[in-house]
Structure formats: structure tokens, C-alpha cells
């Protein structure tokens, strides 16, 4: 039976129009053997949650540079729980003040990756988190 690839949804919520970082992460994850769906710019939490359900993803990566993370992340986590997607790993990358990180993790965000994080660190985190679900090739 062929190995099931880790499915990752990369989304840019809010009004932030800068998606270069999101595209770099999407490419790195794809190069690491993951299946990546990129939703594009200006996604609402509702659009992201719906896409996650439709695409049956294992991981959602949010790229947030706008400062709206304290509103967007809890909204998205509540929507995912309401849709029965409690097992999805939600990651946030971007400019997140250290003081905001504990509340984001409390809301259900699995990890926060700040500017300067290597793509390999993100790939390793996802692979370790999903090792049981998707056995690595020998």
C-alpha cells in the first residue's frame, strides 16, 4: 500500500498581502514530500476551516504578519473544533510578540515559528508530530 503523504494547508488569513514567506514554506514542505494546498491571500477563518475539511488536511499552517493573530487563531480553532477537526495540527508563522504566544498555544495552536526559523525546523516538527500517522519510508 502506498504511503499516505502528510497533507498541509497553507493559508494567509486577514488583510496582509505579503505571501512570499508562505510560498517559501509551501515549496519547502512539498520538496520534503508533503502534499501542500495553498489557499492564497486574504482568507477568513471560515474559509480556512472549510478548506481544511474539504481537503482533509493533517496540518494547517497560518502565515500572519498583520498583528491579527489574537483574533484569527482562536476563531479558527473554535471553527475547527465545531467541524470535528480537533486532530489537525495548527501552526502559525510570522511576527508574533512573545507575550501573545502562551494564549495562542492555550487556544490550541501547536507551535509558533518566528521570523528566521529554518524551513528544516518546520519540516522536522511536522514529521515528528505525524510520524505515527504516516510511517517514514525505509
N, C-alpha and C. Protein backbone atom coordinates (compact mmCIF):
# COMPACT_ATOMS: atom_id res chain seq x y z
N UNK A 1 0.85 -1.18 0.00
CA UNK A 1 0.00 0.00 0.00
C UNK A 1 0.89 1.24 0.00
N UNK A 2 0.61 2.22 -0.88
CA UNK A 2 1.45 3.41 -0.92
C UNK A 2 1.30 4.23 0.36
N UNK A 3 2.38 4.88 0.72
CA UNK A 3 2.40 5.71 1.92
C UNK A 3 1.50 6.92 1.71
N UNK A 4 0.71 7.25 2.73
CA UNK A 4 -0.15 8.44 2.67
C UNK A 4 0.72 9.65 3.02
N UNK A 5 0.72 10.62 2.14
CA UNK A 5 1.51 11.83 2.41
C UNK A 5 0.81 12.70 3.44
N UNK A 6 1.62 13.43 4.20
CA UNK A 6 1.07 14.41 5.13
C UNK A 6 0.49 15.54 4.29
N UNK A 7 -0.78 15.87 4.56
CA UNK A 7 -1.47 16.92 3.81
C UNK A 7 -1.45 18.21 4.63
N UNK A 8 -0.93 19.27 4.02
CA UNK A 8 -0.76 20.55 4.71
C UNK A 8 -1.48 21.65 3.94
N UNK A 9 -2.29 22.42 4.67
CA UNK A 9 -2.95 23.58 4.10
C UNK A 9 -2.19 24.81 4.58
N UNK A 10 -1.70 25.62 3.64
CA UNK A 10 -1.02 26.88 3.98
C UNK A 10 -1.99 28.00 3.65
N UNK A 11 -2.22 28.88 4.64
CA UNK A 11 -3.20 29.95 4.45
C UNK A 11 -2.65 31.28 4.94
N UNK A 12 -3.11 32.34 4.30
CA UNK A 12 -2.77 33.72 4.67
C UNK A 12 -4.06 34.40 5.12
N UNK A 13 -4.35 34.34 6.43
CA UNK A 13 -5.58 34.98 6.90
C UNK A 13 -5.44 36.49 7.03
N UNK A 14 -6.57 37.16 6.99
CA UNK A 14 -6.57 38.59 7.21
C UNK A 14 -6.22 39.39 5.96
N UNK A 15 -5.90 40.65 6.18
CA UNK A 15 -5.72 41.58 5.07
C UNK A 15 -4.27 41.73 4.64
N UNK A 16 -3.37 41.03 5.28
CA UNK A 16 -1.95 41.09 4.94
C UNK A 16 -1.74 40.57 3.52
N UNK A 17 -1.09 41.35 2.69
CA UNK A 17 -0.89 40.98 1.30
C UNK A 17 0.47 40.39 0.98
N UNK A 18 1.27 40.08 1.99
CA UNK A 18 2.62 39.57 1.74
C UNK A 18 2.63 38.06 1.87
N UNK A 19 2.85 37.35 0.77
CA UNK A 19 2.80 35.89 0.84
C UNK A 19 4.09 35.21 0.40
N UNK A 20 5.16 35.95 0.29
CA UNK A 20 6.42 35.34 -0.11
C UNK A 20 6.86 34.25 0.87
N UNK A 21 6.79 34.55 2.17
CA UNK A 21 7.16 33.57 3.18
C UNK A 21 6.29 32.33 3.11
N UNK A 22 4.99 32.51 2.94
CA UNK A 22 4.06 31.38 2.85
C UNK A 22 4.41 30.50 1.66
N UNK A 23 4.76 31.13 0.55
CA UNK A 23 5.11 30.37 -0.66
C UNK A 23 6.43 29.62 -0.46
N UNK A 24 7.39 30.23 0.24
CA UNK A 24 8.66 29.56 0.51
C UNK A 24 8.42 28.32 1.38
N UNK A 25 7.59 28.47 2.42
CA UNK A 25 7.27 27.33 3.30
C UNK A 25 6.54 26.25 2.50
N UNK A 26 5.56 26.65 1.69
CA UNK A 26 4.81 25.68 0.90
C UNK A 26 5.76 24.88 0.00
N UNK A 27 6.67 25.55 -0.64
CA UNK A 27 7.63 24.87 -1.53
C UNK A 27 8.54 23.93 -0.74
N UNK A 28 9.02 24.37 0.42
CA UNK A 28 9.91 23.54 1.24
C UNK A 28 9.18 22.28 1.72
N UNK A 29 7.92 22.43 2.14
CA UNK A 29 7.15 21.27 2.60
C UNK A 29 6.89 20.30 1.45
N UNK A 30 6.58 20.84 0.29
CA UNK A 30 6.36 20.00 -0.90
C UNK A 30 7.65 19.26 -1.26
N UNK A 31 8.77 19.96 -1.21
CA UNK A 31 10.07 19.33 -1.51
C UNK A 31 10.41 18.24 -0.49
N UNK A 32 9.84 18.35 0.73
CA UNK A 32 10.07 17.36 1.78
C UNK A 32 9.11 16.17 1.66
N UNK A 33 8.29 16.16 0.61
CA UNK A 33 7.42 15.03 0.37
C UNK A 33 5.99 15.18 0.88
N UNK A 34 5.64 16.37 1.34
CA UNK A 34 4.27 16.58 1.82
C UNK A 34 3.39 17.07 0.68
N UNK A 35 2.11 16.83 0.83
CA UNK A 35 1.14 17.34 -0.13
C UNK A 35 0.67 18.69 0.40
N UNK A 36 0.85 19.75 -0.39
CA UNK A 36 0.59 21.11 0.10
C UNK A 36 -0.51 21.77 -0.73
N UNK A 37 -1.47 22.35 -0.02
CA UNK A 37 -2.53 23.13 -0.64
C UNK A 37 -2.34 24.56 -0.15
N UNK A 38 -2.20 25.51 -1.08
CA UNK A 38 -2.04 26.91 -0.70
C UNK A 38 -3.32 27.65 -1.05
N UNK A 39 -3.96 28.27 -0.06
CA UNK A 39 -5.26 28.90 -0.28
C UNK A 39 -5.17 30.30 -0.88
N UNK A 40 -4.00 30.92 -0.83
CA UNK A 40 -3.90 32.28 -1.34
C UNK A 40 -4.13 33.32 -0.25
N UNK A 41 -4.20 34.56 -0.67
CA UNK A 41 -4.28 35.70 0.24
C UNK A 41 -5.69 35.97 0.74
N UNK A 42 -5.75 36.71 1.83
CA UNK A 42 -6.98 37.29 2.39
C UNK A 42 -8.05 36.25 2.71
N UNK A 43 -7.66 35.20 3.41
CA UNK A 43 -8.59 34.15 3.81
C UNK A 43 -9.21 34.47 5.17
N UNK A 44 -10.50 34.19 5.31
CA UNK A 44 -11.15 34.33 6.61
C UNK A 44 -10.98 33.01 7.38
N UNK A 45 -11.12 33.04 8.70
CA UNK A 45 -11.07 31.78 9.44
C UNK A 45 -12.09 30.76 8.91
N UNK A 46 -13.28 31.23 8.51
CA UNK A 46 -14.30 30.34 7.96
C UNK A 46 -13.83 29.68 6.67
N UNK A 47 -13.19 30.45 5.79
CA UNK A 47 -12.68 29.90 4.53
C UNK A 47 -11.60 28.86 4.79
N UNK A 48 -10.73 29.15 5.76
CA UNK A 48 -9.63 28.23 6.08
C UNK A 48 -10.18 26.93 6.67
N UNK A 49 -11.13 27.04 7.61
CA UNK A 49 -11.71 25.84 8.22
C UNK A 49 -12.43 25.00 7.17
N UNK A 50 -13.18 25.64 6.28
CA UNK A 50 -13.89 24.91 5.23
C UNK A 50 -12.92 24.20 4.30
N UNK A 51 -11.85 24.88 3.92
CA UNK A 51 -10.85 24.27 3.04
C UNK A 51 -10.18 23.09 3.74
N UNK A 52 -9.92 23.22 5.04
CA UNK A 52 -9.29 22.14 5.81
C UNK A 52 -10.17 20.89 5.80
N UNK A 53 -11.47 21.09 5.96
CA UNK A 53 -12.41 19.96 5.93
C UNK A 53 -12.46 19.35 4.54
N UNK A 54 -12.63 20.19 3.52
CA UNK A 54 -12.73 19.71 2.14
C UNK A 54 -11.49 18.94 1.71
N UNK A 55 -10.33 19.43 2.11
CA UNK A 55 -9.06 18.82 1.68
C UNK A 55 -8.59 17.71 2.63
N UNK A 56 -9.29 17.53 3.76
CA UNK A 56 -8.95 16.50 4.75
C UNK A 56 -7.48 16.58 5.13
N UNK A 57 -7.07 17.76 5.61
CA UNK A 57 -5.65 18.00 5.90
C UNK A 57 -5.27 17.52 7.29
N UNK A 58 -3.97 17.26 7.45
CA UNK A 58 -3.39 16.88 8.73
C UNK A 58 -2.85 18.09 9.48
N UNK A 59 -2.43 19.11 8.70
CA UNK A 59 -1.75 20.28 9.26
C UNK A 59 -2.29 21.52 8.57
N UNK A 60 -2.47 22.59 9.36
CA UNK A 60 -2.77 23.92 8.82
C UNK A 60 -1.64 24.83 9.24
N UNK A 61 -1.04 25.51 8.27
CA UNK A 61 -0.01 26.49 8.55
C UNK A 61 -0.54 27.87 8.22
N UNK A 62 -0.57 28.74 9.20
CA UNK A 62 -1.03 30.11 9.00
C UNK A 62 0.16 31.04 8.97
N UNK A 63 0.19 31.92 7.99
CA UNK A 63 1.22 32.95 7.92
C UNK A 63 0.56 34.27 8.24
N UNK A 64 0.93 34.85 9.39
CA UNK A 64 0.27 36.08 9.85
C UNK A 64 1.32 37.14 10.16
N UNK A 65 1.27 38.21 9.41
CA UNK A 65 2.18 39.34 9.66
C UNK A 65 1.42 40.59 10.07
N UNK A 66 0.09 40.52 10.07
CA UNK A 66 -0.75 41.71 10.23
C UNK A 66 -1.00 42.12 11.67
N UNK A 67 -0.69 41.24 12.63
CA UNK A 67 -0.99 41.55 14.02
C UNK A 67 -2.37 41.08 14.45
N UNK A 68 -3.12 40.41 13.57
CA UNK A 68 -4.48 39.97 13.88
C UNK A 68 -4.53 38.56 14.46
N UNK A 69 -3.37 38.00 14.84
CA UNK A 69 -3.31 36.61 15.29
C UNK A 69 -4.16 36.33 16.53
N UNK A 70 -4.28 37.31 17.45
CA UNK A 70 -5.06 37.08 18.68
C UNK A 70 -6.55 36.96 18.41
N UNK A 71 -7.00 37.43 17.28
CA UNK A 71 -8.40 37.29 16.88
C UNK A 71 -8.59 36.09 15.97
N UNK A 72 -7.74 35.99 14.96
CA UNK A 72 -7.89 34.96 13.93
C UNK A 72 -7.67 33.55 14.47
N UNK A 73 -6.62 33.34 15.24
CA UNK A 73 -6.28 31.99 15.69
C UNK A 73 -7.36 31.36 16.57
N UNK A 74 -7.84 32.04 17.63
CA UNK A 74 -8.91 31.43 18.42
C UNK A 74 -10.18 31.18 17.61
N UNK A 75 -10.51 32.09 16.69
CA UNK A 75 -11.69 31.88 15.83
C UNK A 75 -11.53 30.61 15.02
N UNK A 76 -10.36 30.44 14.40
CA UNK A 76 -10.11 29.26 13.58
C UNK A 76 -10.17 28.00 14.43
N UNK A 77 -9.55 28.01 15.61
CA UNK A 77 -9.56 26.82 16.45
C UNK A 77 -10.99 26.45 16.85
N UNK A 78 -11.83 27.43 17.17
CA UNK A 78 -13.23 27.15 17.51
C UNK A 78 -13.98 26.56 16.32
N UNK A 79 -13.74 27.10 15.14
CA UNK A 79 -14.39 26.57 13.94
C UNK A 79 -13.96 25.13 13.65
N UNK A 80 -12.66 24.86 13.80
CA UNK A 80 -12.16 23.50 13.57
C UNK A 80 -12.78 22.52 14.55
N UNK A 81 -12.86 22.91 15.83
CA UNK A 81 -13.49 22.03 16.84
C UNK A 81 -14.95 21.78 16.48
N UNK A 82 -15.65 22.83 16.05
CA UNK A 82 -17.07 22.69 15.69
C UNK A 82 -17.26 21.76 14.50
N UNK A 83 -16.25 21.68 13.64
CA UNK A 83 -16.33 20.82 12.45
C UNK A 83 -15.73 19.43 12.70
N UNK A 84 -15.35 19.15 13.96
CA UNK A 84 -14.79 17.84 14.29
C UNK A 84 -13.36 17.64 13.83
N UNK A 85 -12.64 18.74 13.62
CA UNK A 85 -11.25 18.67 13.14
C UNK A 85 -10.27 18.91 14.30
N UNK A 86 -10.55 18.32 15.46
CA UNK A 86 -9.72 18.53 16.65
C UNK A 86 -8.31 17.98 16.50
N UNK A 87 -8.13 17.02 15.60
CA UNK A 87 -6.84 16.35 15.47
C UNK A 87 -5.90 17.04 14.48
N UNK A 88 -6.32 18.14 13.89
CA UNK A 88 -5.48 18.87 12.94
C UNK A 88 -4.42 19.66 13.71
N UNK A 89 -3.18 19.57 13.27
CA UNK A 89 -2.09 20.34 13.86
C UNK A 89 -2.11 21.73 13.23
N UNK A 90 -2.26 22.76 14.05
CA UNK A 90 -2.28 24.13 13.53
C UNK A 90 -1.00 24.84 13.95
N UNK A 91 -0.29 25.35 12.96
CA UNK A 91 0.97 26.06 13.16
C UNK A 91 0.80 27.50 12.72
N UNK A 92 1.52 28.40 13.37
CA UNK A 92 1.48 29.81 12.99
C UNK A 92 2.91 30.28 12.77
N UNK A 93 3.10 30.99 11.67
CA UNK A 93 4.37 31.61 11.38
C UNK A 93 4.16 33.08 11.15
N UNK A 94 5.14 33.86 11.53
CA UNK A 94 5.02 35.29 11.28
C UNK A 94 5.53 36.10 12.46
N UNK A 95 5.07 37.33 12.50
CA UNK A 95 5.52 38.26 13.52
C UNK A 95 4.53 38.19 14.68
N UNK A 96 4.92 37.41 15.69
CA UNK A 96 4.07 37.18 16.86
C UNK A 96 4.86 37.61 18.10
N UNK A 97 4.36 38.61 18.83
CA UNK A 97 5.06 39.03 20.05
C UNK A 97 5.11 37.89 21.06
N UNK A 98 6.24 37.77 21.75
CA UNK A 98 6.41 36.71 22.73
C UNK A 98 5.30 36.67 23.77
N UNK A 99 4.78 37.83 24.15
CA UNK A 99 3.73 37.90 25.16
C UNK A 99 2.43 37.23 24.69
N UNK A 100 2.24 37.12 23.38
CA UNK A 100 1.00 36.54 22.83
C UNK A 100 1.07 35.03 22.68
N UNK A 101 2.27 34.46 22.73
CA UNK A 101 2.45 33.03 22.43
C UNK A 101 1.71 32.12 23.43
N UNK A 102 1.78 32.35 24.75
CA UNK A 102 1.08 31.44 25.66
C UNK A 102 -0.43 31.35 25.39
N UNK A 103 -1.08 32.47 25.13
CA UNK A 103 -2.53 32.45 24.87
C UNK A 103 -2.84 31.73 23.55
N UNK A 104 -1.99 31.90 22.56
CA UNK A 104 -2.20 31.21 21.28
C UNK A 104 -2.08 29.70 21.48
N UNK A 105 -1.08 29.28 22.23
CA UNK A 105 -0.91 27.84 22.50
C UNK A 105 -2.09 27.32 23.32
N UNK A 106 -2.57 28.13 24.26
CA UNK A 106 -3.73 27.75 25.07
C UNK A 106 -4.96 27.55 24.20
N UNK A 107 -5.07 28.31 23.11
CA UNK A 107 -6.23 28.18 22.21
C UNK A 107 -6.15 26.93 21.35
N UNK A 108 -4.97 26.29 21.33
CA UNK A 108 -4.84 25.05 20.56
C UNK A 108 -3.79 25.08 19.47
N UNK A 109 -3.12 26.22 19.29
CA UNK A 109 -2.05 26.31 18.30
C UNK A 109 -0.91 25.39 18.76
N UNK A 110 -0.46 24.50 17.87
CA UNK A 110 0.56 23.51 18.25
C UNK A 110 1.95 24.13 18.39
N UNK A 111 2.28 25.05 17.48
CA UNK A 111 3.61 25.66 17.54
C UNK A 111 3.58 26.99 16.79
N UNK A 112 4.50 27.87 17.19
CA UNK A 112 4.65 29.19 16.58
C UNK A 112 6.08 29.30 16.08
N UNK A 113 6.20 29.66 14.81
CA UNK A 113 7.52 29.80 14.20
C UNK A 113 7.73 31.26 13.85
N UNK A 114 8.73 31.85 14.47
CA UNK A 114 9.01 33.27 14.29
C UNK A 114 9.95 33.49 13.10
N UNK A 115 10.06 34.73 12.62
CA UNK A 115 10.96 35.01 11.51
C UNK A 115 12.37 34.49 11.82
N UNK A 116 12.99 33.90 10.82
CA UNK A 116 14.33 33.37 10.99
C UNK A 116 14.35 31.87 11.26
N UNK A 117 13.19 31.28 11.55
CA UNK A 117 13.12 29.83 11.75
C UNK A 117 13.48 29.14 10.44
N UNK A 118 14.30 28.11 10.52
CA UNK A 118 14.67 27.42 9.28
C UNK A 118 13.50 26.55 8.81
N UNK A 119 13.39 26.39 7.50
CA UNK A 119 12.34 25.53 6.96
C UNK A 119 12.54 24.10 7.46
N UNK A 120 13.79 23.69 7.69
CA UNK A 120 14.05 22.34 8.19
C UNK A 120 13.46 22.13 9.57
N UNK A 121 13.49 23.16 10.42
CA UNK A 121 12.88 23.05 11.75
C UNK A 121 11.38 22.82 11.64
N UNK A 122 10.73 23.50 10.70
CA UNK A 122 9.29 23.35 10.49
C UNK A 122 8.98 21.95 9.96
N UNK A 123 9.75 21.50 8.99
CA UNK A 123 9.58 20.16 8.41
C UNK A 123 9.76 19.11 9.49
N UNK A 124 10.80 19.25 10.31
CA UNK A 124 11.06 18.28 11.38
C UNK A 124 9.91 18.25 12.38
N UNK A 125 9.41 19.41 12.75
CA UNK A 125 8.29 19.47 13.70
C UNK A 125 7.08 18.71 13.15
N UNK A 126 6.74 18.97 11.89
CA UNK A 126 5.58 18.30 11.28
C UNK A 126 5.82 16.80 11.19
N UNK A 127 6.99 16.41 10.72
CA UNK A 127 7.30 14.98 10.59
C UNK A 127 7.24 14.26 11.94
N UNK A 128 7.80 14.88 12.98
CA UNK A 128 7.77 14.26 14.31
C UNK A 128 6.35 14.17 14.84
N UNK A 129 5.57 15.20 14.61
CA UNK A 129 4.19 15.24 15.10
C UNK A 129 3.31 14.19 14.41
N UNK A 130 3.65 13.87 13.17
CA UNK A 130 2.81 12.96 12.37
C UNK A 130 3.50 11.65 12.04
N UNK A 131 4.57 11.33 12.75
CA UNK A 131 5.32 10.10 12.47
C UNK A 131 4.46 8.86 12.61
N UNK A 132 3.59 8.82 13.61
CA UNK A 132 2.73 7.65 13.82
C UNK A 132 1.67 7.49 12.76
N UNK A 133 1.22 8.61 12.22
CA UNK A 133 0.16 8.58 11.20
C UNK A 133 0.69 8.22 9.83
N UNK A 134 1.90 8.63 9.57
CA UNK A 134 2.50 8.47 8.24
C UNK A 134 3.89 7.88 8.38
N UNK A 135 4.00 6.55 8.42
CA UNK A 135 5.32 5.96 8.61
C UNK A 135 6.30 6.43 7.54
N UNK A 136 7.50 6.73 7.98
CA UNK A 136 8.54 7.18 7.04
C UNK A 136 9.00 6.02 6.19
N UNK A 137 9.44 6.34 5.00
CA UNK A 137 9.98 5.32 4.10
C UNK A 137 11.31 4.81 4.65
N UNK A 138 11.55 3.55 4.48
CA UNK A 138 12.80 2.96 4.97
C UNK A 138 13.94 3.29 4.04
